[in-house]
Amino acid sequence: MLTLDRATYDAIVAHAKRDHPDEACGIVAGPEGSDRAERLVEMVNAAGSPTFYEFDSTDLLRLYREMDARDEEPVVIYHSHTATEAYPSRTDIGLAMEPRAHYVLVSTRDCFDADGGNNDGPVEFRSYRIIDDEVTEEEVSVVPSLPARSTT
């Protein structure tokens, strides 16, 4: 199960809506081995595409170095689908290289009318584990805030 605090969930949804009609993408980092999604990092979709996302390689390298220096790892890797359901495509599955990460997809297909205007429709927000090309959907729990981190 993926547990997110309300602020992180809302920020991911807002990013997906803001970047529509292009796919949005980003990472939520957390302490290594903790499975705590604590620090949202919005990324730029270098592909600038409504059907594909790509992290800028320079930005991604910089982020991984930063996470390494902070003893963090990617807990959530997210992107949006603008016209299809929130389910990983074959391309998404092929790009899934972090076996410990939660892969979140947000579909914004019902948030915009035919003219591209925001109709405040609902988003579809789903999370998956993707290991060795096997996709397993998991429950998402949104809590007001994450419990305090243990210091022991």
Foldseek 3Di string as FASTA:
>chain_A
DQEAAPVVVVVVVVQQLVLPLAKWWWFFKDAPPPLYRDRTDTFDQPVSHSADGDGDPVVVVVVVVVCVVVNMDGAEIEMEHEADAFDDDLVNLVPPDDQNHKYKYKYCPQQADPVRHGPNDDIHIWIWGRDPSDTDTDDYHYHNDDPDDDPD
